[in-house]
């Protein structure tokens, strides 16, 4: 039977493999918001434009008359760079991943607090059907998102709540900030939430708090924590910061 610490270490090692992968989050070189008029993208041959139906078209890619169209999860390798479509609620961008990006080549590890069972905190989940929450990304764009529910628990002896939404895959997730941000940890973190029991009882495992993609590249547009998910108490659990070698 796998113990608590061994299970956490396996998770942490998988996170480091993902973060340092050749085309992982640290390889994101640019996010290019396009229009229907073809334009050049730095580091990539050709001219790139929106198709008008959620896709991206590239032309003049080095072969006379060559044209390529990318939609959805399609990607394209041009040399070492990989091109992907990024769709943010109808606004479409071309993302360029480069395994030779300096921050990706220098990626060494993810610093994290040692796992502690005390950071698995009992909570009560209260569903909030029909309620929405305003989510603001780090670039200032805001949108309303369905609020899955609130988790009520005690942090440093104080009763608090954590607002959670659902991922496209249906899992509960939260974005939070705490008293360690900016000194011991990145400015905010993401947190997967275990599915509550039928009676609403739940466990919040802060040991699994992890860095958002924007900790690895400033070309991501991560959602920030809503006001109710900003705690003054320090939460010394989970991932802390990206470690770069020389």
C-alpha atoms as a PDB file:
ATOM      1  CA  UNK A   1       0.000   0.000   0.000  1.00  0.00           C
ATOM      2  CA  UNK A   2       1.372   3.408  -1.015  1.00  0.00           C
ATOM      3  CA  UNK A   3       1.849   5.747   1.938  1.00  0.00           C
ATOM      4  CA  UNK A   4       0.871   9.423   2.131  1.00  0.00           C
ATOM      5  CA  UNK A   5       4.404  10.769   1.570  1.00  0.00           C
ATOM      6  CA  UNK A   6       5.241   8.309  -1.213  1.00  0.00           C
ATOM      7  CA  UNK A   7       2.015   9.191  -3.007  1.00  0.00           C
ATOM      8  CA  UNK A   8       2.808  12.905  -2.742  1.00  0.00           C
ATOM      9  CA  UNK A   9       6.379  12.420  -4.006  1.00  0.00           C
ATOM     10  CA  UNK A  10       5.127  10.480  -7.022  1.00  0.00           C
ATOM     11  CA  UNK A  11       2.732  13.356  -7.767  1.00  0.00           C
ATOM     12  CA  UNK A  12       5.492  15.934  -7.326  1.00  0.00           C
ATOM     13  CA  UNK A  13       7.870  14.068  -9.615  1.00  0.00           C
ATOM     14  CA  UNK A  14       5.180  13.823 -12.294  1.00  0.00           C
ATOM     15  CA  UNK A  15       4.634  17.580 -12.014  1.00  0.00           C
ATOM     16  CA  UNK A  16       8.335  18.244 -12.523  1.00  0.00           C
ATOM     17  CA  UNK A  17       8.444  15.949 -15.552  1.00  0.00           C
ATOM     18  CA  UNK A  18       5.444  17.757 -17.027  1.00  0.00           C
ATOM     19  CA  UNK A  19       6.837  21.240 -16.312  1.00  0.00           C
ATOM     20  CA  UNK A  20      10.241  20.466 -17.796  1.00  0.00           C
ATOM     21  CA  UNK A  21       8.988  18.530 -20.820  1.00  0.00           C
ATOM     22  CA  UNK A  22      10.288  19.537 -24.227  1.00  0.00           C
ATOM     23  CA  UNK A  23       6.985  21.190 -25.146  1.00  0.00           C
ATOM     24  CA  UNK A  24       5.722  21.709 -21.608  1.00  0.00           C
ATOM     25  CA  UNK A  25       4.587  25.000 -20.037  1.00  0.00           C
ATOM     26  CA  UNK A  26       8.100  26.428 -19.718  1.00  0.00           C
ATOM     27  CA  UNK A  27       8.486  26.199 -23.512  1.00  0.00           C
ATOM     28  CA  UNK A  28       5.732  28.737 -24.285  1.00  0.00           C
ATOM     29  CA  UNK A  29       7.542  31.488 -26.174  1.00  0.00           C
ATOM     30  CA  UNK A  30       4.674  33.697 -27.330  1.00  0.00           C
ATOM     31  CA  UNK A  31       0.901  34.092 -27.453  1.00  0.00           C
ATOM     32  CA  UNK A  32      -0.081  36.007 -30.578  1.00  0.00           C
ATOM     33  CA  UNK A  33      -3.592  37.472 -30.832  1.00  0.00           C
ATOM     34  CA  UNK A  34      -4.346  37.542 -34.527  1.00  0.00           C
ATOM     35  CA  UNK A  35      -6.806  39.305 -36.821  1.00  0.00           C
ATOM     36  CA  UNK A  36      -8.126  38.318 -40.252  1.00  0.00           C
ATOM     37  CA  UNK A  37      -5.374  40.348 -41.936  1.00  0.00           C
ATOM     38  CA  UNK A  38      -2.223  38.176 -42.362  1.00  0.00           C
ATOM     39  CA  UNK A  39       0.703  39.239 -40.177  1.00  0.00           C
ATOM     40  CA  UNK A  40       4.169  37.978 -39.321  1.00  0.00           C
ATOM     41  CA  UNK A  41       4.808  36.142 -36.043  1.00  0.00           C
ATOM     42  CA  UNK A  42       8.261  36.481 -34.516  1.00  0.00           C
ATOM     43  CA  UNK A  43      10.407  33.360 -34.865  1.00  0.00           C
ATOM     44  CA  UNK A  44       7.954  31.625 -37.215  1.00  0.00           C
ATOM     45  CA  UNK A  45       8.016  31.645 -41.028  1.00  0.00           C
ATOM     46  CA  UNK A  46       5.048  32.793 -43.066  1.00  0.00           C
ATOM     47  CA  UNK A  47       2.076  35.046 -42.466  1.00  0.00           C
ATOM     48  CA  UNK A  48      -0.696  34.179 -39.991  1.00  0.00           C
ATOM     49  CA  UNK A  49      -4.341  35.203 -39.718  1.00  0.00           C
ATOM     50  CA  UNK A  50      -7.689  34.145 -38.303  1.00  0.00           C
ATOM     51  CA  UNK A  51      -9.930  32.173 -40.629  1.00  0.00           C
ATOM     52  CA  UNK A  52     -13.095  33.698 -39.169  1.00  0.00           C
ATOM     53  CA  UNK A  53     -14.472  30.355 -37.999  1.00  0.00           C
ATOM     54  CA  UNK A  54     -12.228  29.649 -35.007  1.00  0.00           C
ATOM     55  CA  UNK A  55      -9.169  28.562 -36.960  1.00  0.00           C
ATOM     56  CA  UNK A  56      -5.778  29.984 -37.872  1.00  0.00           C
ATOM     57  CA  UNK A  57      -4.308  30.009 -41.367  1.00  0.00           C
ATOM     58  CA  UNK A  58      -0.621  30.251 -42.209  1.00  0.00           C
ATOM     59  CA  UNK A  59       0.628  31.090 -45.692  1.00  0.00           C
ATOM     60  CA  UNK A  60       3.993  31.521 -47.431  1.00  0.00           C
ATOM     61  CA  UNK A  61       5.637  29.002 -45.122  1.00  0.00           C
ATOM     62  CA  UNK A  62       8.706  28.602 -47.273  1.00  0.00           C
ATOM     63  CA  UNK A  63       7.202  26.665 -50.142  1.00  0.00           C
ATOM     64  CA  UNK A  64       5.581  28.597 -52.955  1.00  0.00           C
ATOM     65  CA  UNK A  65       1.837  28.746 -52.345  1.00  0.00           C
ATOM     66  CA  UNK A  66       2.003  26.642 -49.179  1.00  0.00           C
ATOM     67  CA  UNK A  67      -0.976  27.129 -46.853  1.00  0.00           C
ATOM     68  CA  UNK A  68      -1.892  25.405 -43.573  1.00  0.00           C
ATOM     69  CA  UNK A  69      -4.966  25.734 -41.364  1.00  0.00           C
ATOM     70  CA  UNK A  70      -5.048  24.853 -37.657  1.00  0.00           C
ATOM     71  CA  UNK A  71      -8.198  24.309 -35.606  1.00  0.00           C
ATOM     72  CA  UNK A  72      -9.001  23.044 -32.134  1.00  0.00           C
ATOM     73  CA  UNK A  73      -6.273  20.776 -30.747  1.00  0.00           C
ATOM     74  CA  UNK A  74      -4.328  20.596 -34.014  1.00  0.00           C
ATOM     75  CA  UNK A  75      -0.656  21.568 -33.891  1.00  0.00           C
ATOM     76  CA  UNK A  76       2.161  22.089 -36.354  1.00  0.00           C
ATOM     77  CA  UNK A  77       5.934  21.673 -36.029  1.00  0.00           C
ATOM     78  CA  UNK A  78       8.071  24.145 -37.937  1.00  0.00           C
ATOM     79  CA  UNK A  79      11.666  23.290 -37.146  1.00  0.00           C
ATOM     80  CA  UNK A  80      11.887  22.885 -33.373  1.00  0.00           C
ATOM     81  CA  UNK A  81       8.953  25.195 -32.690  1.00  0.00           C
ATOM     82  CA  UNK A  82       5.428  23.886 -32.230  1.00  0.00           C
ATOM     83  CA  UNK A  83       2.375  25.985 -33.092  1.00  0.00           C
ATOM     84  CA  UNK A  84      -0.964  25.540 -31.328  1.00  0.00           C
ATOM     85  CA  UNK A  85      -4.347  27.240 -31.351  1.00  0.00           C
ATOM     86  CA  UNK A  86      -5.448  28.955 -28.153  1.00  0.00           C
ATOM     87  CA  UNK A  87      -9.138  29.823 -27.935  1.00  0.00           C
ATOM     88  CA  UNK A  88     -10.206  32.021 -25.016  1.00  0.00           C
ATOM     89  CA  UNK A  89     -13.991  32.162 -25.193  1.00  0.00           C
ATOM     90  CA  UNK A  90     -13.963  33.023 -28.900  1.00  0.00           C
ATOM     91  CA  UNK A  91     -10.782  35.120 -28.981  1.00  0.00           C
ATOM     92  CA  UNK A  92      -8.196  33.071 -30.854  1.00  0.00           C
ATOM     93  CA  UNK A  93      -4.413  33.267 -30.613  1.00  0.00           C
ATOM     94  CA  UNK A  94      -1.461  31.396 -32.095  1.00  0.00           C
ATOM     95  CA  UNK A  95       0.812  30.004 -29.407  1.00  0.00           C
ATOM     96  CA  UNK A  96       4.434  29.222 -30.169  1.00  0.00           C
ATOM     97  CA  UNK A  97       6.291  26.641 -28.068  1.00  0.00           C
ATOM     98  CA  UNK A  98      10.068  26.527 -28.288  1.00  0.00           C
ATOM     99  CA  UNK A  99      12.046  23.887 -26.361  1.00  0.00           C
ATOM    100  CA  UNK A 100      15.094  26.137 -26.738  1.00  0.00           C
ATOM    101  CA  UNK A 101      13.446  28.958 -24.808  1.00  0.00           C
ATOM    102  CA  UNK A 102      16.071  29.904 -22.157  1.00  0.00           C
ATOM    103  CA  UNK A 103      13.677  29.463 -19.232  1.00  0.00           C
ATOM    104  CA  UNK A 104      12.799  25.984 -20.437  1.00  0.00           C
ATOM    105  CA  UNK A 105      16.436  24.975 -20.932  1.00  0.00           C
ATOM    106  CA  UNK A 106      17.287  26.306 -17.465  1.00  0.00           C
ATOM    107  CA  UNK A 107      14.330  24.638 -15.744  1.00  0.00           C
ATOM    108  CA  UNK A 108      15.697  22.546 -12.880  1.00  0.00           C
ATOM    109  CA  UNK A 109      12.882  21.720 -10.467  1.00  0.00           C
ATOM    110  CA  UNK A 110       9.767  22.914  -8.661  1.00  0.00           C
ATOM    111  CA  UNK A 111      10.488  23.910  -5.091  1.00  0.00           C
ATOM    112  CA  UNK A 112       7.797  22.653  -2.714  1.00  0.00           C
ATOM    113  CA  UNK A 113       7.049  22.412   0.982  1.00  0.00           C
ATOM    114  CA  UNK A 114       7.485  18.960   2.549  1.00  0.00           C
ATOM    115  CA  UNK A 115       4.176  17.075   2.589  1.00  0.00           C
ATOM    116  CA  UNK A 116       2.252  17.174   5.848  1.00  0.00           C
ATOM    117  CA  UNK A 117      -0.947  15.323   6.599  1.00  0.00           C
ATOM    118  CA  UNK A 118      -2.029  18.278   8.746  1.00  0.00           C
ATOM    119  CA  UNK A 119      -2.627  20.233   5.532  1.00  0.00           C
ATOM    120  CA  UNK A 120      -5.385  17.817   4.558  1.00  0.00           C
ATOM    121  CA  UNK A 121      -8.204  19.867   6.022  1.00  0.00           C
ATOM    122  CA  UNK A 122     -11.781  18.711   6.586  1.00  0.00           C
ATOM    123  CA  UNK A 123     -14.394  20.897   4.890  1.00  0.00           C
ATOM    124  CA  UNK A 124     -18.072  21.052   4.042  1.00  0.00           C
ATOM    125  CA  UNK A 125     -19.039  21.568   0.411  1.00  0.00           C
ATOM    126  CA  UNK A 126     -22.121  23.667  -0.351  1.00  0.00           C
ATOM    127  CA  UNK A 127     -23.273  23.561  -4.008  1.00  0.00           C
ATOM    128  CA  UNK A 128     -24.312  26.869  -5.563  1.00  0.00           C
ATOM    129  CA  UNK A 129     -26.527  26.005  -8.555  1.00  0.00           C
ATOM    130  CA  UNK A 130     -27.176  28.964 -10.848  1.00  0.00           C
ATOM    131  CA  UNK A 131     -24.579  31.196  -9.160  1.00  0.00           C
ATOM    132  CA  UNK A 132     -21.696  32.713 -11.101  1.00  0.00           C
ATOM    133  CA  UNK A 133     -18.393  34.264 -10.134  1.00  0.00           C
ATOM    134  CA  UNK A 134     -16.326  36.919 -11.898  1.00  0.00           C
ATOM    135  CA  UNK A 135     -12.917  35.630 -12.938  1.00  0.00           C
ATOM    136  CA  UNK A 136     -10.185  38.133 -13.868  1.00  0.00           C
ATOM    137  CA  UNK A 137      -7.102  36.959 -15.753  1.00  0.00           C
ATOM    138  CA  UNK A 138      -3.646  38.403 -15.212  1.00  0.00           C
ATOM    139  CA  UNK A 139      -4.006  40.469 -18.395  1.00  0.00           C
ATOM    140  CA  UNK A 140      -7.072  42.202 -16.938  1.00  0.00           C
ATOM    141  CA  UNK A 141      -9.743  40.397 -18.982  1.00  0.00           C
ATOM    142  CA  UNK A 142     -12.781  39.329 -16.938  1.00  0.00           C
ATOM    143  CA  UNK A 143     -15.613  36.890 -17.510  1.00  0.00           C
ATOM    144  CA  UNK A 144     -18.344  35.240 -15.495  1.00  0.00           C
ATOM    145  CA  UNK A 145     -17.948  31.552 -14.715  1.00  0.00           C
ATOM    146  CA  UNK A 146     -20.360  29.070 -13.150  1.00  0.00           C
ATOM    147  CA  UNK A 147     -19.616  28.652  -9.452  1.00  0.00           C
ATOM    148  CA  UNK A 148     -19.726  24.966  -8.514  1.00  0.00           C
ATOM    149  CA  UNK A 149     -19.870  25.632  -4.785  1.00  0.00           C
ATOM    150  CA  UNK A 150     -18.125  26.860  -1.657  1.00  0.00           C
ATOM    151  CA  UNK A 151     -16.071  24.857   0.774  1.00  0.00           C
ATOM    152  CA  UNK A 152     -16.318  25.896   4.419  1.00  0.00           C
ATOM    153  CA  UNK A 153     -13.411  25.070   6.708  1.00  0.00           C
ATOM    154  CA  UNK A 154     -11.175  26.474   9.419  1.00  0.00           C
ATOM    155  CA  UNK A 155      -7.794  28.023   8.670  1.00  0.00           C
ATOM    156  CA  UNK A 156      -5.592  29.101  11.572  1.00  0.00           C
ATOM    157  CA  UNK A 157      -8.648  28.941  13.837  1.00  0.00           C
ATOM    158  CA  UNK A 158     -10.702  31.229  11.605  1.00  0.00           C
ATOM    159  CA  UNK A 159     -13.786  30.082   9.669  1.00  0.00           C
ATOM    160  CA  UNK A 160     -13.244  30.726   5.953  1.00  0.00           C
ATOM    161  CA  UNK A 161     -14.684  29.709   2.594  1.00  0.00           C
ATOM    162  CA  UNK A 162     -13.084  28.660  -0.694  1.00  0.00           C
ATOM    163  CA  UNK A 163     -14.979  29.167  -3.963  1.00  0.00           C
ATOM    164  CA  UNK A 164     -14.594  26.341  -6.475  1.00  0.00           C
ATOM    165  CA  UNK A 165     -15.448  25.954 -10.151  1.00  0.00           C
ATOM    166  CA  UNK A 166     -15.323  22.937 -12.430  1.00  0.00           C
ATOM    167  CA  UNK A 167     -12.810  22.225 -15.165  1.00  0.00           C
ATOM    168  CA  UNK A 168     -14.035  21.296 -18.665  1.00  0.00           C
ATOM    169  CA  UNK A 169     -13.427  17.692 -17.575  1.00  0.00           C
ATOM    170  CA  UNK A 170     -15.797  18.121 -14.631  1.00  0.00           C
ATOM    171  CA  UNK A 171     -13.291  18.175 -11.763  1.00  0.00           C
ATOM    172  CA  UNK A 172     -13.512  20.689  -8.927  1.00  0.00           C
ATOM    173  CA  UNK A 173     -10.759  23.278  -8.841  1.00  0.00           C
ATOM    174  CA  UNK A 174      -9.917  26.532  -7.059  1.00  0.00           C
ATOM    175  CA  UNK A 175      -7.474  29.425  -7.404  1.00  0.00           C
ATOM    176  CA  UNK A 176      -6.232  30.895  -4.140  1.00  0.00           C
ATOM    177  CA  UNK A 177      -3.744  33.321  -2.644  1.00  0.00           C
ATOM    178  CA  UNK A 178      -2.323  33.297   0.877  1.00  0.00           C
ATOM    179  CA  UNK A 179       0.149  34.927   3.224  1.00  0.00           C
ATOM    180  CA  UNK A 180       3.187  33.255   1.646  1.00  0.00           C
ATOM    181  CA  UNK A 181       2.719  34.821  -1.793  1.00  0.00           C
ATOM    182  CA  UNK A 182       5.473  37.075  -3.053  1.00  0.00           C
ATOM    183  CA  UNK A 183       7.957  35.963  -0.402  1.00  0.00           C
ATOM    184  CA  UNK A 184       7.881  32.172  -0.118  1.00  0.00           C
ATOM    185  CA  UNK A 185       5.646  31.271  -3.031  1.00  0.00           C
ATOM    186  CA  UNK A 186       4.425  32.487  -6.413  1.00  0.00           C
ATOM    187  CA  UNK A 187       1.700  35.181  -6.410  1.00  0.00           C
ATOM    188  CA  UNK A 188      -1.139  32.608  -6.356  1.00  0.00           C
ATOM    189  CA  UNK A 189      -1.678  28.891  -6.840  1.00  0.00           C
ATOM    190  CA  UNK A 190      -4.125  26.382  -8.254  1.00  0.00           C
ATOM    191  CA  UNK A 191      -5.718  23.633  -6.190  1.00  0.00           C
ATOM    192  CA  UNK A 192      -7.541  20.473  -7.280  1.00  0.00           C
ATOM    193  CA  UNK A 193     -10.419  19.587  -4.978  1.00  0.00           C
ATOM    194  CA  UNK A 194     -11.356  15.995  -4.222  1.00  0.00           C
ATOM    195  CA  UNK A 195     -14.997  15.251  -5.062  1.00  0.00           C
ATOM    196  CA  UNK A 196     -17.127  15.682  -1.890  1.00  0.00           C
ATOM    197  CA  UNK A 197     -19.151  12.838  -0.413  1.00  0.00           C
ATOM    198  CA  UNK A 198     -22.922  12.707  -0.842  1.00  0.00           C
ATOM    199  CA  UNK A 199     -23.412  14.442   2.528  1.00  0.00           C
ATOM    200  CA  UNK A 200     -21.134  17.340   1.506  1.00  0.00           C
ATOM    201  CA  UNK A 201     -18.142  16.306   3.605  1.00  0.00           C
ATOM    202  CA  UNK A 202     -14.890  16.997   1.782  1.00  0.00           C
ATOM    203  CA  UNK A 203     -11.135  17.209   2.219  1.00  0.00           C
ATOM    204  CA  UNK A 204      -9.008  20.092   0.968  1.00  0.00           C
ATOM    205  CA  UNK A 205      -5.457  18.840   0.411  1.00  0.00           C
ATOM    206  CA  UNK A 206      -3.227  21.910   0.269  1.00  0.00           C
ATOM    207  CA  UNK A 207      -0.231  19.616  -0.253  1.00  0.00           C
ATOM    208  CA  UNK A 208      -1.442  19.406  -3.872  1.00  0.00           C
ATOM    209  CA  UNK A 209      -1.464  23.183  -4.424  1.00  0.00           C
ATOM    210  CA  UNK A 210       0.435  23.746  -7.637  1.00  0.00           C
ATOM    211  CA  UNK A 211       1.930  26.583  -9.653  1.00  0.00           C
ATOM    212  CA  UNK A 212      -0.184  28.049 -12.470  1.00  0.00           C
ATOM    213  CA  UNK A 213       1.252  27.936 -16.003  1.00  0.00           C
ATOM    214  CA  UNK A 214       2.098  31.658 -15.807  1.00  0.00           C
ATOM    215  CA  UNK A 215       4.744  30.803 -13.208  1.00  0.00           C
ATOM    216  CA  UNK A 216       6.635  29.079 -16.035  1.00  0.00           C
ATOM    217  CA  UNK A 217       5.980  31.626 -18.801  1.00  0.00           C
ATOM    218  CA  UNK A 218       4.497  35.114 -18.743  1.00  0.00           C
ATOM    219  CA  UNK A 219       2.787  34.317 -22.044  1.00  0.00           C
ATOM    220  CA  UNK A 220      -0.055  32.490 -20.263  1.00  0.00           C
ATOM    221  CA  UNK A 221      -3.212  34.351 -19.213  1.00  0.00           C
ATOM    222  CA  UNK A 222      -4.010  32.568 -15.952  1.00  0.00           C
ATOM    223  CA  UNK A 223      -7.119  33.322 -13.891  1.00  0.00           C
ATOM    224  CA  UNK A 224      -6.440  35.138 -10.622  1.00  0.00           C
ATOM    225  CA  UNK A 225      -8.033  34.254  -7.286  1.00  0.00           C
ATOM    226  CA  UNK A 226     -11.446  35.805  -6.638  1.00  0.00           C
ATOM    227  CA  UNK A 227     -11.634  38.121  -3.631  1.00  0.00           C
ATOM    228  CA  UNK A 228     -13.028  35.434  -1.324  1.00  0.00           C
ATOM    229  CA  UNK A 229     -10.126  33.092  -2.075  1.00  0.00           C
ATOM    230  CA  UNK A 230      -7.433  35.439  -0.771  1.00  0.00           C
ATOM    231  CA  UNK A 231      -6.320  34.405   2.708  1.00  0.00           C
ATOM    232  CA  UNK A 232      -4.048  36.424   4.991  1.00  0.00           C
ATOM    233  CA  UNK A 233      -2.894  33.285   6.812  1.00  0.00           C
ATOM    234  CA  UNK A 234       0.168  31.531   5.356  1.00  0.00           C
ATOM    235  CA  UNK A 235      -0.483  28.153   3.731  1.00  0.00           C
ATOM    236  CA  UNK A 236       2.896  26.458   3.799  1.00  0.00           C
ATOM    237  CA  UNK A 237       1.977  23.471   1.682  1.00  0.00           C
ATOM    238  CA  UNK A 238       2.277  22.501  -1.960  1.00  0.00           C
ATOM    239  CA  UNK A 239       4.465  23.966  -4.667  1.00  0.00           C
ATOM    240  CA  UNK A 240       6.380  27.161  -3.998  1.00  0.00           C
ATOM    241  CA  UNK A 241       8.330  28.368  -7.020  1.00  0.00           C
ATOM    242  CA  UNK A 242      10.143  27.424 -10.229  1.00  0.00           C
ATOM    243  CA  UNK A 243      13.832  26.612  -9.794  1.00  0.00           C
ATOM    244  CA  UNK A 244      16.079  27.663 -12.674  1.00  0.00           C
ATOM    245  CA  UNK A 245      19.665  26.491 -13.103  1.00  0.00           C
ATOM    246  CA  UNK A 246      22.429  28.448 -14.755  1.00  0.00           C
END
